[in-house]
Structure formats: structure tokens, C-alpha cells
Amino acid sequence: MLYHLSDTIQIVGTKQTLKQLENNGVKVVFVAKDADDKVTGQVVELAKAKNVQVEFIDTMEELGKKCNVEVKTAVAAIIA
């Protein structure tokens, strides 16, 4: 399913995404390909373990723009 971040309820950031994943509150996770694996690895692993779709975006800058934030973003998610 194709999601548009700007049209959905979203969270931005690794800590917030992990928290929502642990509470089973995430529909899909977005990860920037150029982000450090130390930052994104735990999110990707937990998402896969919980059968949550993971989408990869080319750059942190692009993901930040899609989330309507003015900073580069490594991880974002659409919450349930």
C-alpha cells in the first residue's frame, strides 16, 4: 500500500518510532537509506519482528521534507 506521509498521522524520530512499535501502534515505518545503521537498525529489526511494513527513502533530507519538518530525518512512521 502506498502511503503519503503528508496526508497521515505521523511520528518523526527513532525514539518515538520505537516507543510506538513496542505498543503496536505503527502501520508503516519509513527509513532513510543514508542514515546511520546504528540509528535505524533497531527500528528496522523491531518493525520486521512485528510484521510492520518498512519503506526506504533515498535520503534523510527527502524524508524530512515528506514529513513537513525542516530537519533531516532518519526514521518516521505512520501511526495506527
Foldseek 3Di string as FASTA:
>chain_A
DDDQLVPADKDFAQVVLVVCLVVVFFQEKEFEPPDDCVRCVVSVVSCVVVVHHYHYDHFQCVVCVSNVHPDRTGMMTGTD
